[in-house]
C-alpha cells in the first residue's frame, strides 16, 4: 500500500456502529487532507453511540454540532473555519428548529450551505444529518481554551 495522503480521524467499522445492519465498511469521522477537513455526516448520536433527542430535530442538531466541533478541533481546525455545510432533513417541517440550532453554532461564520429533504437517513430515528468542509488557514493554530 502507498503512504496515505491524508489523516484519518476516529476510524471505525460499520459492523460496530450499525449492529442492526449487516455491514462491514472501514470509515472514519473526519479526514484532513492538506489544509482541508472533511467531516462525515453527523446526527444526534454521541460518540458512544447514544441517541440524543429522540423525536426532537433541534436536540439532534445540537448533538450533531457538538460532534462537529469536537471533530474539527481534533483535526486542527474549528467551527469558525467551516466553508460548506450540507444539511439533510427527513421532514421539511424540521427546517426551522434545525437551522436555528445550527445558526447558533455558526454565527458570524458565513459558510455556503445546501439543504435537502430526504426520504430517510441511515437509521429511522435520525431526523437530521449535517456534514461540513472546513479549512485550516496557513499558519493558524487553535487557541487552547
N, C-alpha and C. Protein backbone atom coordinates (compact mmCIF):
# COMPACT_ATOMS: atom_id res chain seq x y z
N UNK A 1 0.84 -1.19 0.00
CA UNK A 1 0.00 0.00 0.00
C UNK A 1 0.88 1.25 0.00
N UNK A 2 0.41 2.27 -0.68
CA UNK A 2 1.15 3.54 -0.69
C UNK A 2 0.88 4.32 0.59
N UNK A 3 1.72 5.31 0.84
CA UNK A 3 1.55 6.16 2.02
C UNK A 3 0.26 6.96 1.89
N UNK A 4 -0.49 7.11 2.98
CA UNK A 4 -1.72 7.90 2.88
C UNK A 4 -1.41 9.38 2.64
N UNK A 5 -2.28 10.01 1.89
CA UNK A 5 -2.11 11.43 1.57
C UNK A 5 -2.96 12.29 2.49
N UNK A 6 -3.56 11.65 3.49
CA UNK A 6 -4.45 12.37 4.40
C UNK A 6 -4.42 11.70 5.78
N UNK A 7 -4.96 12.40 6.75
CA UNK A 7 -5.04 11.88 8.12
C UNK A 7 -6.48 11.49 8.40
N UNK A 8 -6.65 10.28 8.88
CA UNK A 8 -7.99 9.79 9.22
C UNK A 8 -8.23 10.02 10.70
N UNK A 9 -9.40 10.55 11.05
CA UNK A 9 -9.74 10.87 12.43
C UNK A 9 -10.92 10.03 12.87
N UNK A 10 -10.74 9.32 13.99
CA UNK A 10 -11.78 8.45 14.56
C UNK A 10 -12.24 7.39 13.57
N UNK A 11 -11.32 6.51 13.20
CA UNK A 11 -11.66 5.41 12.32
C UNK A 11 -12.61 4.44 13.02
N UNK A 12 -13.48 3.81 12.23
CA UNK A 12 -14.42 2.83 12.78
C UNK A 12 -14.86 1.88 11.68
N UNK A 13 -15.55 0.82 12.09
CA UNK A 13 -16.13 -0.11 11.13
C UNK A 13 -17.63 -0.13 11.35
N UNK A 14 -18.37 -0.12 10.26
CA UNK A 14 -19.83 -0.04 10.35
C UNK A 14 -20.46 -1.26 11.01
N UNK A 15 -19.75 -2.39 11.08
CA UNK A 15 -20.36 -3.54 11.78
C UNK A 15 -20.47 -3.25 13.28
N UNK A 16 -19.64 -2.33 13.79
CA UNK A 16 -19.74 -1.93 15.20
C UNK A 16 -20.75 -0.81 15.40
N UNK A 17 -20.82 0.12 14.47
CA UNK A 17 -21.67 1.30 14.66
C UNK A 17 -23.10 1.08 14.17
N UNK A 18 -23.32 0.08 13.35
CA UNK A 18 -24.67 -0.26 12.88
C UNK A 18 -24.93 -1.75 13.18
N UNK A 19 -25.00 -2.12 14.46
CA UNK A 19 -25.14 -3.55 14.78
C UNK A 19 -26.46 -4.15 14.28
N UNK A 20 -27.46 -3.31 13.99
CA UNK A 20 -28.74 -3.80 13.49
C UNK A 20 -28.73 -4.01 11.97
N UNK A 21 -27.60 -3.75 11.33
CA UNK A 21 -27.49 -3.93 9.89
C UNK A 21 -26.26 -4.80 9.58
N UNK A 22 -26.31 -5.52 8.49
CA UNK A 22 -25.19 -6.37 8.09
C UNK A 22 -24.25 -5.56 7.20
N UNK A 23 -23.31 -4.86 7.84
CA UNK A 23 -22.36 -4.01 7.13
C UNK A 23 -20.95 -4.31 7.60
N UNK A 24 -19.97 -3.99 6.77
CA UNK A 24 -18.56 -4.17 7.13
C UNK A 24 -17.72 -3.19 6.31
N UNK A 25 -17.87 -1.90 6.62
CA UNK A 25 -17.16 -0.86 5.89
C UNK A 25 -16.22 -0.12 6.82
N UNK A 26 -14.98 0.06 6.41
CA UNK A 26 -14.00 0.83 7.17
C UNK A 26 -14.14 2.30 6.80
N UNK A 27 -14.52 3.12 7.77
CA UNK A 27 -14.74 4.54 7.55
C UNK A 27 -14.06 5.34 8.66
N UNK A 28 -14.19 6.65 8.61
CA UNK A 28 -13.73 7.50 9.70
C UNK A 28 -14.67 8.68 9.81
N UNK A 29 -14.59 9.38 10.95
CA UNK A 29 -15.49 10.51 11.19
C UNK A 29 -15.04 11.76 10.46
N UNK A 30 -13.74 11.90 10.25
CA UNK A 30 -13.23 13.08 9.55
C UNK A 30 -11.93 12.73 8.85
N UNK A 31 -11.61 13.52 7.84
CA UNK A 31 -10.36 13.35 7.09
C UNK A 31 -9.74 14.74 6.92
N UNK A 32 -8.45 14.82 7.24
CA UNK A 32 -7.70 16.04 6.98
C UNK A 32 -6.77 15.76 5.80
N UNK A 33 -6.98 16.52 4.72
CA UNK A 33 -6.15 16.39 3.52
C UNK A 33 -5.55 17.77 3.25
N UNK A 34 -4.26 17.90 3.50
CA UNK A 34 -3.62 19.21 3.38
C UNK A 34 -4.23 20.15 4.40
N UNK A 35 -4.75 21.30 3.94
CA UNK A 35 -5.36 22.24 4.87
C UNK A 35 -6.89 22.18 4.83
N UNK A 36 -7.43 21.09 4.30
CA UNK A 36 -8.88 20.92 4.21
C UNK A 36 -9.32 19.77 5.11
N UNK A 37 -10.44 19.99 5.81
CA UNK A 37 -11.01 18.96 6.68
C UNK A 37 -12.41 18.64 6.17
N UNK A 38 -12.65 17.37 5.94
CA UNK A 38 -13.96 16.88 5.52
C UNK A 38 -14.53 16.07 6.69
N UNK A 39 -15.75 16.43 7.12
CA UNK A 39 -16.35 15.73 8.25
C UNK A 39 -17.56 14.96 7.78
N UNK A 40 -17.59 13.71 8.17
CA UNK A 40 -18.69 12.80 7.86
C UNK A 40 -20.00 13.37 8.40
N UNK A 41 -21.10 13.03 7.79
CA UNK A 41 -22.41 13.46 8.27
C UNK A 41 -22.60 13.13 9.74
N UNK A 42 -22.98 14.13 10.51
CA UNK A 42 -23.20 13.96 11.95
C UNK A 42 -24.69 14.05 12.24
N UNK A 43 -25.12 13.21 13.17
CA UNK A 43 -26.53 13.11 13.56
C UNK A 43 -26.63 13.33 15.06
N UNK A 44 -27.77 13.04 15.62
CA UNK A 44 -27.98 13.24 17.05
C UNK A 44 -27.46 12.13 17.92
N UNK A 45 -26.43 11.45 17.48
CA UNK A 45 -25.83 10.36 18.24
C UNK A 45 -24.46 10.79 18.73
N UNK A 46 -24.17 10.59 20.01
CA UNK A 46 -22.85 10.97 20.53
C UNK A 46 -21.82 9.92 20.14
N UNK A 47 -20.57 10.13 20.50
CA UNK A 47 -19.50 9.23 20.08
C UNK A 47 -19.52 7.89 20.83
N UNK A 48 -20.39 7.76 21.81
CA UNK A 48 -20.59 6.47 22.48
C UNK A 48 -21.76 5.71 21.87
N UNK A 49 -22.37 6.28 20.83
CA UNK A 49 -23.47 5.61 20.15
C UNK A 49 -24.84 5.86 20.75
N UNK A 50 -24.93 6.78 21.69
CA UNK A 50 -26.21 7.09 22.35
C UNK A 50 -26.94 8.18 21.57
N UNK A 51 -28.21 7.90 21.20
CA UNK A 51 -29.02 8.91 20.52
C UNK A 51 -29.47 9.96 21.52
N UNK A 52 -29.28 11.21 21.16
CA UNK A 52 -29.74 12.34 21.96
C UNK A 52 -30.91 12.96 21.20
N UNK A 53 -32.04 13.16 21.86
CA UNK A 53 -33.15 13.86 21.23
C UNK A 53 -34.06 13.01 20.38
N UNK A 54 -34.45 11.84 20.87
CA UNK A 54 -35.39 11.01 20.13
C UNK A 54 -36.65 11.82 19.81
N UNK A 55 -36.98 11.94 18.54
CA UNK A 55 -38.17 12.67 18.12
C UNK A 55 -38.02 14.19 18.12
N UNK A 56 -36.83 14.71 18.45
CA UNK A 56 -36.61 16.15 18.59
C UNK A 56 -35.52 16.61 17.63
N UNK A 57 -35.89 17.18 16.48
CA UNK A 57 -34.88 17.56 15.50
C UNK A 57 -33.91 18.62 16.01
N UNK A 58 -34.37 19.57 16.85
CA UNK A 58 -33.47 20.59 17.38
C UNK A 58 -32.42 19.97 18.28
N UNK A 59 -32.81 19.07 19.17
CA UNK A 59 -31.86 18.41 20.07
C UNK A 59 -30.87 17.55 19.28
N UNK A 60 -31.34 16.90 18.23
CA UNK A 60 -30.42 16.12 17.40
C UNK A 60 -29.43 17.03 16.70
N UNK A 61 -29.89 18.20 16.24
CA UNK A 61 -28.97 19.15 15.60
C UNK A 61 -27.94 19.66 16.60
N UNK A 62 -28.35 19.89 17.83
CA UNK A 62 -27.40 20.34 18.85
C UNK A 62 -26.31 19.30 19.07
N UNK A 63 -26.69 18.02 19.18
CA UNK A 63 -25.68 16.97 19.36
C UNK A 63 -24.78 16.86 18.13
N UNK A 64 -25.36 16.97 16.94
CA UNK A 64 -24.56 16.92 15.71
C UNK A 64 -23.53 18.04 15.69
N UNK A 65 -23.91 19.23 16.14
CA UNK A 65 -22.98 20.36 16.16
C UNK A 65 -21.90 20.16 17.22
N UNK A 66 -22.25 19.58 18.36
CA UNK A 66 -21.23 19.25 19.37
C UNK A 66 -20.21 18.29 18.77
N UNK A 67 -20.70 17.29 18.02
CA UNK A 67 -19.80 16.34 17.37
C UNK A 67 -18.90 17.05 16.36
N UNK A 68 -19.49 17.92 15.54
CA UNK A 68 -18.70 18.64 14.54
C UNK A 68 -17.60 19.47 15.19
N UNK A 69 -17.96 20.17 16.25
CA UNK A 69 -16.98 21.00 16.96
C UNK A 69 -15.81 20.15 17.43
N UNK A 70 -16.10 19.01 18.06
CA UNK A 70 -15.04 18.14 18.57
C UNK A 70 -14.19 17.57 17.44
N UNK A 71 -14.82 17.11 16.38
CA UNK A 71 -14.07 16.52 15.26
C UNK A 71 -13.18 17.56 14.57
N UNK A 72 -13.70 18.76 14.37
CA UNK A 72 -12.88 19.80 13.74
C UNK A 72 -11.68 20.15 14.61
N UNK A 73 -11.89 20.22 15.91
CA UNK A 73 -10.77 20.51 16.82
C UNK A 73 -9.75 19.38 16.80
N UNK A 74 -10.21 18.14 16.75
CA UNK A 74 -9.27 17.01 16.67
C UNK A 74 -8.48 17.05 15.37
N UNK A 75 -9.05 17.62 14.32
CA UNK A 75 -8.38 17.72 13.03
C UNK A 75 -7.48 18.95 12.93
N UNK A 76 -7.51 19.83 13.96
CA UNK A 76 -6.68 21.03 13.94
C UNK A 76 -7.38 22.26 13.41
N UNK A 77 -8.70 22.23 13.31
CA UNK A 77 -9.47 23.36 12.83
C UNK A 77 -10.50 23.73 13.89
N UNK A 78 -11.52 24.48 13.50
CA UNK A 78 -12.63 24.74 14.42
C UNK A 78 -13.85 25.19 13.62
N UNK A 79 -14.96 25.40 14.31
CA UNK A 79 -16.21 25.77 13.64
C UNK A 79 -16.08 27.04 12.82
N UNK A 80 -15.24 27.98 13.23
CA UNK A 80 -15.12 29.25 12.52
C UNK A 80 -14.51 29.09 11.13
N UNK A 81 -13.92 27.93 10.85
CA UNK A 81 -13.28 27.70 9.56
C UNK A 81 -14.10 26.82 8.62
N UNK A 82 -15.39 26.61 8.96
CA UNK A 82 -16.27 25.85 8.07
C UNK A 82 -16.55 26.70 6.83
N UNK A 83 -16.41 26.07 5.65
CA UNK A 83 -16.67 26.78 4.40
C UNK A 83 -17.92 26.26 3.69
N UNK A 84 -18.38 25.05 4.05
CA UNK A 84 -19.52 24.43 3.35
C UNK A 84 -20.26 23.53 4.31
N UNK A 85 -21.59 23.64 4.34
CA UNK A 85 -22.43 22.71 5.10
C UNK A 85 -23.42 22.07 4.14
N UNK A 86 -23.76 20.83 4.43
CA UNK A 86 -24.87 20.16 3.76
C UNK A 86 -25.74 19.57 4.85
N UNK A 87 -27.01 19.98 4.87
CA UNK A 87 -27.94 19.54 5.90
C UNK A 87 -29.04 18.71 5.26
N UNK A 88 -29.29 17.56 5.85
CA UNK A 88 -30.33 16.65 5.37
C UNK A 88 -31.43 16.58 6.43
N UNK A 89 -32.68 16.74 6.02
CA UNK A 89 -33.82 16.66 6.91
C UNK A 89 -34.77 15.57 6.41
N UNK A 90 -35.41 14.85 7.31
CA UNK A 90 -36.37 13.84 6.89
C UNK A 90 -37.79 14.42 6.76
N UNK A 91 -37.95 15.69 7.14
CA UNK A 91 -39.25 16.35 7.03
C UNK A 91 -38.99 17.85 6.90
N UNK A 92 -39.62 18.50 5.94
CA UNK A 92 -39.40 19.93 5.71
C UNK A 92 -39.78 20.74 6.94
N UNK A 93 -40.68 20.24 7.78
CA UNK A 93 -41.08 20.96 8.99
C UNK A 93 -39.95 21.05 10.02
N UNK A 94 -38.90 20.27 9.85
CA UNK A 94 -37.75 20.32 10.76
C UNK A 94 -36.78 21.45 10.40
N UNK A 95 -37.03 22.12 9.28
CA UNK A 95 -36.06 23.12 8.80
C UNK A 95 -35.81 24.22 9.83
N UNK A 96 -36.88 24.81 10.36
CA UNK A 96 -36.67 25.91 11.30
C UNK A 96 -35.93 25.49 12.57
N UNK A 97 -36.38 24.45 13.29
CA UNK A 97 -35.64 24.11 14.51
C UNK A 97 -34.20 23.69 14.25
N UNK A 98 -33.95 22.97 13.18
CA UNK A 98 -32.59 22.52 12.87
C UNK A 98 -31.72 23.71 12.46
N UNK A 99 -32.21 24.54 11.54
CA UNK A 99 -31.41 25.67 11.08
C UNK A 99 -31.20 26.71 12.17
N UNK A 100 -32.19 26.87 13.07
CA UNK A 100 -32.00 27.79 14.19
C UNK A 100 -30.87 27.30 15.09
N UNK A 101 -30.82 25.99 15.35
CA UNK A 101 -29.76 25.44 16.21
C UNK A 101 -28.41 25.54 15.52
N UNK A 102 -28.32 25.14 14.26
CA UNK A 102 -27.06 25.22 13.52
C UNK A 102 -26.59 26.68 13.46
N UNK A 103 -27.53 27.59 13.26
CA UNK A 103 -27.20 29.01 13.17
C UNK A 103 -26.56 29.55 14.44
N UNK A 104 -26.95 29.04 15.60
CA UNK A 104 -26.34 29.47 16.87
C UNK A 104 -24.85 29.12 16.88
N UNK A 105 -24.53 27.96 16.37
CA UNK A 105 -23.14 27.47 16.39
C UNK A 105 -22.28 28.14 15.33
N UNK A 106 -22.91 28.62 14.25
CA UNK A 106 -22.15 29.17 13.11
C UNK A 106 -22.36 30.67 12.94
N UNK A 107 -22.77 31.36 14.00
CA UNK A 107 -22.96 32.81 13.94
C UNK A 107 -21.65 33.48 13.54
N UNK A 108 -21.70 34.31 12.49
CA UNK A 108 -20.53 35.04 12.03
C UNK A 108 -19.59 34.24 11.15
N UNK A 109 -19.93 32.97 10.82
CA UNK A 109 -19.04 32.13 10.02
C UNK A 109 -19.31 32.30 8.52
N UNK A 110 -20.55 32.40 8.10
CA UNK A 110 -20.95 32.63 6.72
C UNK A 110 -20.47 31.54 5.73
N UNK A 111 -20.73 30.25 6.01
CA UNK A 111 -20.38 29.22 5.03
C UNK A 111 -21.39 29.20 3.89
N UNK A 112 -21.03 28.54 2.81
CA UNK A 112 -22.06 28.23 1.82
C UNK A 112 -22.83 27.03 2.37
N UNK A 113 -24.06 26.85 1.92
CA UNK A 113 -24.91 25.85 2.55
C UNK A 113 -25.85 25.22 1.53
N UNK A 114 -26.02 23.92 1.65
CA UNK A 114 -27.00 23.20 0.87
C UNK A 114 -27.92 22.49 1.85
N UNK A 115 -29.23 22.56 1.60
CA UNK A 115 -30.19 21.86 2.44
C UNK A 115 -31.06 20.96 1.60
N UNK A 116 -31.28 19.75 2.08
CA UNK A 116 -32.06 18.76 1.34
C UNK A 116 -33.09 18.12 2.25
N UNK A 117 -34.24 17.80 1.70
CA UNK A 117 -35.21 16.97 2.40
C UNK A 117 -35.16 15.61 1.73
N UNK A 118 -34.92 14.59 2.54
CA UNK A 118 -34.73 13.24 2.03
C UNK A 118 -35.79 12.30 2.62
N UNK A 119 -35.98 11.17 1.98
CA UNK A 119 -36.96 10.19 2.45
C UNK A 119 -36.57 9.59 3.78
N UNK A 120 -35.28 9.29 3.95
CA UNK A 120 -34.82 8.66 5.18
C UNK A 120 -33.31 8.85 5.30
N UNK A 121 -32.81 8.62 6.53
CA UNK A 121 -31.37 8.61 6.78
C UNK A 121 -30.98 7.19 7.18
N UNK A 122 -29.74 6.98 7.62
CA UNK A 122 -29.21 5.65 7.87
C UNK A 122 -29.91 4.85 8.96
N UNK A 123 -30.56 5.54 9.90
CA UNK A 123 -31.34 4.88 10.95
C UNK A 123 -32.68 5.60 11.04
N UNK A 124 -33.76 4.87 11.30
CA UNK A 124 -35.09 5.50 11.28
C UNK A 124 -35.30 6.59 12.33
N UNK A 125 -34.56 6.55 13.44
CA UNK A 125 -34.74 7.56 14.49
C UNK A 125 -34.00 8.87 14.19
N UNK A 126 -33.13 8.88 13.19
CA UNK A 126 -32.41 10.10 12.84
C UNK A 126 -33.32 11.01 12.03
N UNK A 127 -33.45 12.25 12.47
CA UNK A 127 -34.33 13.22 11.81
C UNK A 127 -33.55 14.22 10.97
N UNK A 128 -32.25 14.34 11.25
CA UNK A 128 -31.40 15.29 10.51
C UNK A 128 -29.98 14.77 10.48
N UNK A 129 -29.22 15.29 9.54
CA UNK A 129 -27.79 14.97 9.43
C UNK A 129 -27.12 16.19 8.80
N UNK A 130 -25.90 16.47 9.24
CA UNK A 130 -25.16 17.60 8.67
C UNK A 130 -23.72 17.19 8.47
N UNK A 131 -23.18 17.50 7.30
CA UNK A 131 -21.75 17.31 7.08
C UNK A 131 -21.14 18.64 6.67
N UNK A 132 -19.85 18.77 6.91
CA UNK A 132 -19.18 20.04 6.63
C UNK A 132 -17.82 19.83 6.00
N UNK A 133 -17.36 20.89 5.36
CA UNK A 133 -15.98 21.00 4.89
C UNK A 133 -15.43 22.25 5.56
N UNK A 134 -14.24 22.14 6.12
CA UNK A 134 -13.59 23.27 6.77
C UNK A 134 -12.16 23.37 6.28
N UNK A 135 -11.53 24.49 6.58
CA UNK A 135 -10.14 24.69 6.22
C UNK A 135 -9.32 24.96 7.48
N UNK A 136 -8.02 24.86 7.32
CA UNK A 136 -7.08 25.26 8.36
C UNK A 136 -6.21 26.33 7.72
N UNK A 137 -6.45 27.60 8.08
CA UNK A 137 -5.68 28.68 7.44
C UNK A 137 -4.18 28.52 7.66
N UNK A 138 -3.41 28.93 6.68
CA UNK A 138 -1.95 28.87 6.74
C UNK A 138 -1.45 29.57 8.01
N UNK A 139 -0.66 28.86 8.80
CA UNK A 139 -0.06 29.43 9.99
C UNK A 139 -0.99 29.54 11.18
N UNK A 140 -2.25 29.11 11.03
CA UNK A 140 -3.22 29.23 12.12
C UNK A 140 -3.03 28.10 13.13
N UNK A 141 -3.07 28.42 14.40
CA UNK A 141 -3.09 27.40 15.43
C UNK A 141 -4.25 27.68 16.35
N UNK A 142 -4.94 26.63 16.70
CA UNK A 142 -6.11 26.75 17.56
C UNK A 142 -5.68 27.12 18.95
N UNK A 143 -6.34 28.13 19.52
CA UNK A 143 -6.02 28.52 20.90
C UNK A 143 -6.53 27.43 21.84
N UNK A 144 -5.77 27.13 22.84
CA UNK A 144 -6.14 26.08 23.80
C UNK A 144 -6.95 26.70 24.92
N UNK A 145 -8.26 26.62 24.83
CA UNK A 145 -9.15 27.18 25.86
C UNK A 145 -9.46 26.13 26.90
